Amino acid sequence: MKRQGQGLLFLFFTMLMLPQILPAGDVEFEAGGAVLSHYMWRGLRLSEGGVFQPTVTVGSKGFSANLWANWQFDPNSLTEVDFTGSYAGETGKFNYEAGFVHYGVREGLDSDEIYGRVGHSDLLNPCFSIHVDVNAGKGTYLQAGLEPSIPLKKEISLNFKAYAGYVLKNSYMGLNDGGREFSNFYSADFQTSLTIPMGKGFSLEPMIGYSTSLSRNARQAIKNDSSSARGETFYGGATLTFSLE
């Protein structure tokens, strides 16, 4: 764990220094932190109470590297550090992204995932993604969603997100009461947020959300694998982001 922590610290500071090393215009940089009532991931409530989730992303010419962590307030501890490498682009009104995620869970199973995502820029901004677990889960998770955004005054925007997920024998998403992987609808997630520019590259995004299971198997898996006793959760929080291009 000590060597892993040193490696992550080196990676974090390397990502922070890249915008200073590379020529202006060649790199994009974003850092932020979210304070949330719960740690939510695809319908799973992975904390009993509040969390802090810092993140830093460095990108250039479509390629990007992201480091993300989850700090749980009670008990006061770092529970997870994830790394994502990806490539994203656009073709007309279509946008796409493909990448790799390593889930580094401190007191649980690490895993690795390959994913692809495609979206369309229109009134509702529909999107679809596929996530293939190639390590602990050895299964697939499919997600379809809508991400409409409404411009308000003074560059503030009102954002809505709605997702529905389907699991294909991915044990990393939990098991049913029979202790087996399953294929079925998994969870629906809804979020409403405001993006508020703060000046000098900063923005604030307060958010509220609701997540619920979509099938009996999923409800059992969510109850067994998270702190959500009923398979549903109301949650909320706020994210402060700094961007530099």
Protein backbone atom coordinates (compact mmCIF):
# COMPACT_ATOMS: atom_id res chain seq x y z
CA MET A 1 0.00 0.00 0.00
CA LYS A 2 2.87 2.39 0.78
CA ARG A 3 4.43 1.93 -2.67
CA GLN A 4 1.02 2.28 -4.31
CA GLY A 5 0.43 5.54 -2.42
CA GLN A 6 3.83 6.90 -3.48
CA GLY A 7 3.10 5.99 -7.10
CA LEU A 8 -0.29 7.70 -7.03
CA LEU A 9 1.25 10.79 -5.41
CA PHE A 10 3.91 10.93 -8.15
CA LEU A 11 1.23 10.54 -10.85
CA PHE A 12 -0.91 13.27 -9.26
CA PHE A 13 1.91 15.83 -9.17
CA THR A 14 3.04 14.87 -12.69
CA MET A 15 -0.48 15.65 -13.95
CA LEU A 16 -0.43 18.97 -12.08
CA MET A 17 2.90 19.95 -13.66
CA LEU A 18 2.05 19.03 -17.28
CA PRO A 19 0.24 22.33 -18.03
CA GLN A 20 3.41 24.17 -16.99
CA ILE A 21 5.72 21.95 -19.09
CA LEU A 22 3.81 21.65 -22.38
CA PRO A 23 3.39 24.60 -24.77
CA ALA A 24 0.33 26.81 -24.25
CA GLY A 25 -2.68 25.53 -26.18
CA ASP A 26 -1.40 21.93 -26.31
CA VAL A 27 -2.88 20.84 -23.00
CA GLU A 28 -6.14 21.10 -21.12
CA PHE A 29 -6.24 20.90 -17.35
CA GLU A 30 -9.13 20.46 -14.94
CA ALA A 31 -9.18 19.92 -11.19
CA GLY A 32 -12.09 19.80 -8.81
CA GLY A 33 -13.61 18.46 -5.66
CA ALA A 34 -17.11 17.32 -4.74
CA VAL A 35 -18.67 17.19 -1.29
CA LEU A 36 -21.60 14.74 -1.41
CA SER A 37 -24.05 13.23 1.04
CA HIS A 38 -23.18 9.72 -0.23
CA TYR A 39 -20.79 7.96 -2.59
CA MET A 40 -23.05 6.73 -5.41
CA TRP A 41 -21.91 4.46 -8.27
CA ARG A 42 -24.41 2.98 -10.73
CA GLY A 43 -27.14 2.68 -8.14
CA LEU A 44 -24.86 1.36 -5.41
CA ARG A 45 -24.57 3.52 -2.29
CA LEU A 46 -20.98 2.88 -1.23
CA SER A 47 -20.90 5.05 1.89
CA GLU A 48 -23.15 5.42 4.90
CA GLY A 49 -22.59 9.18 5.07
CA GLY A 50 -20.77 12.13 3.51
CA VAL A 51 -17.73 11.96 1.25
CA PHE A 52 -15.19 14.23 -0.45
CA GLN A 53 -14.20 13.29 -4.01
CA PRO A 54 -11.20 15.16 -5.51
CA THR A 55 -10.28 14.74 -9.17
CA VAL A 56 -7.67 15.99 -11.62
CA THR A 57 -7.63 15.58 -15.43
CA VAL A 58 -4.93 16.43 -17.97
CA GLY A 59 -5.66 16.18 -21.69
CA SER A 60 -4.09 16.93 -25.04
CA LYS A 61 -5.42 16.46 -28.60
CA GLY A 62 -8.27 14.19 -27.50
CA PHE A 63 -6.25 12.05 -25.11
CA SER A 64 -6.70 12.48 -21.37
CA ALA A 65 -5.65 11.01 -18.04
CA ASN A 66 -7.77 11.31 -14.92
CA LEU A 67 -7.10 10.58 -11.27
CA TRP A 68 -10.12 10.38 -8.91
CA ALA A 69 -10.41 9.55 -5.22
CA ASN A 70 -13.05 9.02 -2.56
CA TRP A 71 -12.50 10.23 1.00
CA GLN A 72 -15.10 9.07 3.49
CA PHE A 73 -15.81 11.36 6.45
CA ASP A 74 -16.94 8.61 8.86
CA PRO A 75 -14.67 6.81 9.36
CA ASN A 76 -12.15 9.45 8.24
CA SER A 77 -10.30 7.49 5.55
CA LEU A 78 -9.35 7.19 1.89
CA THR A 79 -11.40 4.31 0.47
CA GLU A 80 -10.72 4.37 -3.28
CA VAL A 81 -8.40 5.80 -5.93
CA ASP A 82 -9.27 5.30 -9.62
CA PHE A 83 -7.27 6.01 -12.77
CA THR A 84 -8.83 6.57 -16.22
CA GLY A 85 -7.08 6.90 -19.57
CA SER A 86 -9.26 7.82 -22.54
CA TYR A 87 -9.60 9.29 -26.01
CA ALA A 88 -12.56 11.47 -27.06
CA GLY A 89 -13.62 13.20 -30.25
CA GLU A 90 -16.50 14.51 -32.35
CA THR A 91 -17.94 13.81 -35.80
CA GLY A 92 -20.66 16.25 -36.75
CA LYS A 93 -23.25 16.16 -33.97
CA PHE A 94 -21.93 12.84 -32.65
CA ASN A 95 -19.36 12.63 -29.87
CA TYR A 96 -17.52 9.54 -28.74
CA GLU A 97 -15.11 8.34 -26.08
CA ALA A 98 -13.22 5.14 -25.36
CA GLY A 99 -10.93 4.28 -22.52
CA PHE A 100 -9.70 2.17 -19.64
CA VAL A 101 -10.49 2.47 -15.91
CA HIS A 102 -8.63 0.96 -12.98
CA TYR A 103 -10.69 0.84 -9.78
CA GLY A 104 -8.33 0.88 -6.80
CA VAL A 105 -10.41 -0.09 -3.76
CA ARG A 106 -8.57 0.06 -0.44
CA GLU A 107 -10.59 -2.56 1.45
CA GLY A 108 -12.15 -4.55 -1.35
CA LEU A 109 -11.55 -5.94 -4.79
CA ASP A 110 -9.67 -3.86 -7.36
CA SER A 111 -10.89 -4.21 -10.93
CA ASP A 112 -10.27 -3.01 -14.48
CA GLU A 113 -12.75 -1.92 -17.11
CA ILE A 114 -12.72 -1.08 -20.81
CA TYR A 115 -15.48 1.24 -21.96
CA GLY A 116 -16.89 3.01 -24.99
CA ARG A 117 -19.44 5.82 -25.15
CA VAL A 118 -21.29 7.60 -27.95
CA GLY A 119 -23.56 10.63 -27.68
CA HIS A 120 -25.51 13.01 -29.90
CA SER A 121 -25.75 16.78 -29.51
CA ASP A 122 -29.40 17.79 -29.76
CA LEU A 123 -32.20 18.92 -27.46
CA LEU A 124 -31.97 15.90 -25.11
CA ASN A 125 -28.30 14.94 -25.66
CA PRO A 126 -28.86 11.15 -25.68
CA CYS A 127 -25.93 8.86 -24.93
CA PHE A 128 -25.12 5.16 -24.71
CA SER A 129 -22.13 3.43 -23.13
CA ILE A 130 -20.80 -0.10 -22.69
CA HIS A 131 -18.47 -1.08 -19.83
CA VAL A 132 -16.65 -4.42 -19.93
CA ASP A 133 -15.04 -5.61 -16.70
CA VAL A 134 -11.87 -7.54 -17.57
CA ASN A 135 -10.73 -8.34 -14.04
CA ALA A 136 -12.84 -9.00 -10.92
CA GLY A 137 -16.31 -8.83 -12.45
CA LYS A 138 -15.71 -10.42 -15.86
CA GLY A 139 -19.01 -9.10 -17.16
CA THR A 140 -20.63 -6.11 -18.81
CA TYR A 141 -22.68 -3.08 -17.83
CA LEU A 142 -24.77 -1.16 -20.39
CA GLN A 143 -26.08 2.35 -19.79
CA ALA A 144 -28.38 4.61 -21.81
CA GLY A 145 -29.14 8.18 -20.83
CA LEU A 146 -30.33 11.69 -21.57
CA GLU A 147 -28.34 14.79 -20.59
CA PRO A 148 -30.32 17.93 -21.56
CA SER A 149 -29.07 21.36 -20.46
CA ILE A 150 -31.02 24.63 -20.44
CA PRO A 151 -29.13 27.97 -20.60
CA LEU A 152 -30.26 30.51 -18.03
CA LYS A 153 -29.20 34.11 -17.44
CA LYS A 154 -25.59 35.14 -16.72
CA GLU A 155 -24.14 31.97 -18.32
CA ILE A 156 -25.79 29.75 -15.68
CA SER A 157 -27.20 26.47 -16.99
CA LEU A 158 -29.81 24.09 -15.58
CA ASN A 159 -28.80 20.48 -16.19
CA PHE A 160 -30.77 17.24 -16.10
CA LYS A 161 -29.38 13.71 -16.28
CA ALA A 162 -31.35 10.46 -16.48
CA TYR A 163 -29.71 7.04 -16.87
CA ALA A 164 -30.90 3.45 -17.01
CA GLY A 165 -28.49 0.54 -16.63
CA TYR A 166 -28.51 -3.12 -17.61
CA VAL A 167 -26.06 -5.66 -16.16
CA LEU A 168 -24.80 -8.74 -18.02
CA LYS A 169 -23.38 -11.25 -15.51
CA ASN A 170 -20.97 -8.74 -13.95
CA SER A 171 -20.23 -9.84 -10.39
CA TYR A 172 -18.55 -6.49 -9.65
CA MET A 173 -22.06 -5.01 -9.70
CA GLY A 174 -23.16 -7.43 -6.99
CA LEU A 175 -24.86 -10.82 -6.77
CA ASN A 176 -28.50 -11.79 -6.24
CA ASP A 177 -29.73 -13.57 -3.12
CA GLY A 178 -28.70 -16.87 -4.68
CA GLY A 179 -25.09 -15.65 -4.77
CA ARG A 180 -24.98 -15.65 -8.56
CA GLU A 181 -24.30 -13.18 -11.33
CA PHE A 182 -27.38 -12.20 -13.29
CA SER A 183 -28.49 -10.42 -16.45
CA ASN A 184 -31.28 -7.90 -15.92
CA PHE A 185 -32.14 -4.23 -15.70
CA TYR A 186 -30.09 -2.70 -12.89
CA SER A 187 -30.72 0.91 -11.80
CA ALA A 188 -32.23 4.24 -12.83
CA ASP A 189 -30.46 7.44 -11.79
CA PHE A 190 -31.77 10.99 -12.00
CA GLN A 191 -29.85 14.21 -11.31
CA THR A 192 -30.65 17.91 -11.44
CA SER A 193 -27.89 20.50 -11.15
CA LEU A 194 -26.93 24.12 -11.81
CA THR A 195 -23.63 25.09 -13.43
CA ILE A 196 -22.64 28.49 -12.02
CA PRO A 197 -19.52 30.26 -13.43
CA MET A 198 -17.43 31.80 -10.66
CA GLY A 199 -14.85 33.61 -12.81
CA LYS A 200 -11.15 32.92 -13.53
CA GLY A 201 -11.83 29.34 -14.65
CA PHE A 202 -13.88 28.31 -11.62
CA SER A 203 -17.43 26.95 -11.63
CA LEU A 204 -19.76 25.64 -8.94
CA GLU A 205 -22.32 22.88 -9.51
CA PRO A 206 -24.84 22.12 -6.74
CA MET A 207 -26.74 18.88 -7.41
CA ILE A 208 -29.54 16.67 -6.10
CA GLY A 209 -30.17 13.11 -7.24
CA TYR A 210 -32.24 9.98 -6.84
CA SER A 211 -31.32 6.38 -7.63
CA THR A 212 -33.49 3.26 -7.59
CA SER A 213 -33.23 -0.39 -8.65
CA LEU A 214 -35.05 -1.58 -11.78
CA SER A 215 -35.47 -5.30 -11.09
CA ARG A 216 -35.74 -7.76 -8.22
CA ASN A 217 -32.26 -9.15 -8.89
CA ALA A 218 -30.79 -5.65 -8.95
CA ARG A 219 -32.57 -4.67 -5.74
CA GLN A 220 -31.11 -7.74 -4.02
CA ALA A 221 -27.62 -6.99 -5.36
CA ILE A 222 -27.79 -3.33 -4.33
CA LYS A 223 -29.04 -4.22 -0.85
CA ASN A 224 -26.38 -6.92 -0.43
CA ASP A 225 -23.48 -4.90 -1.84
CA SER A 226 -24.15 -1.40 -0.50
CA SER A 227 -25.55 0.52 2.46
CA SER A 228 -28.88 1.07 0.68
CA ALA A 229 -31.36 -1.02 2.68
CA ARG A 230 -34.24 -0.47 0.22
CA GLY A 231 -32.34 -0.37 -3.08
CA GLU A 232 -32.96 3.37 -3.50
CA THR A 233 -31.25 6.57 -2.36
CA PHE A 234 -31.79 10.32 -2.37
CA TYR A 235 -28.48 12.19 -2.39
CA GLY A 236 -26.96 15.60 -3.12
CA GLY A 237 -23.95 17.86 -2.85
CA ALA A 238 -21.83 20.36 -4.73
CA THR A 239 -18.75 20.30 -6.98
CA LEU A 240 -16.19 23.09 -7.38
CA THR A 241 -14.17 22.86 -10.62
CA PHE A 242 -11.19 24.77 -12.02
CA SER A 243 -10.47 24.52 -15.76
CA LEU A 244 -7.48 25.74 -17.75
CA GLU A 245 -7.06 25.46 -21.53
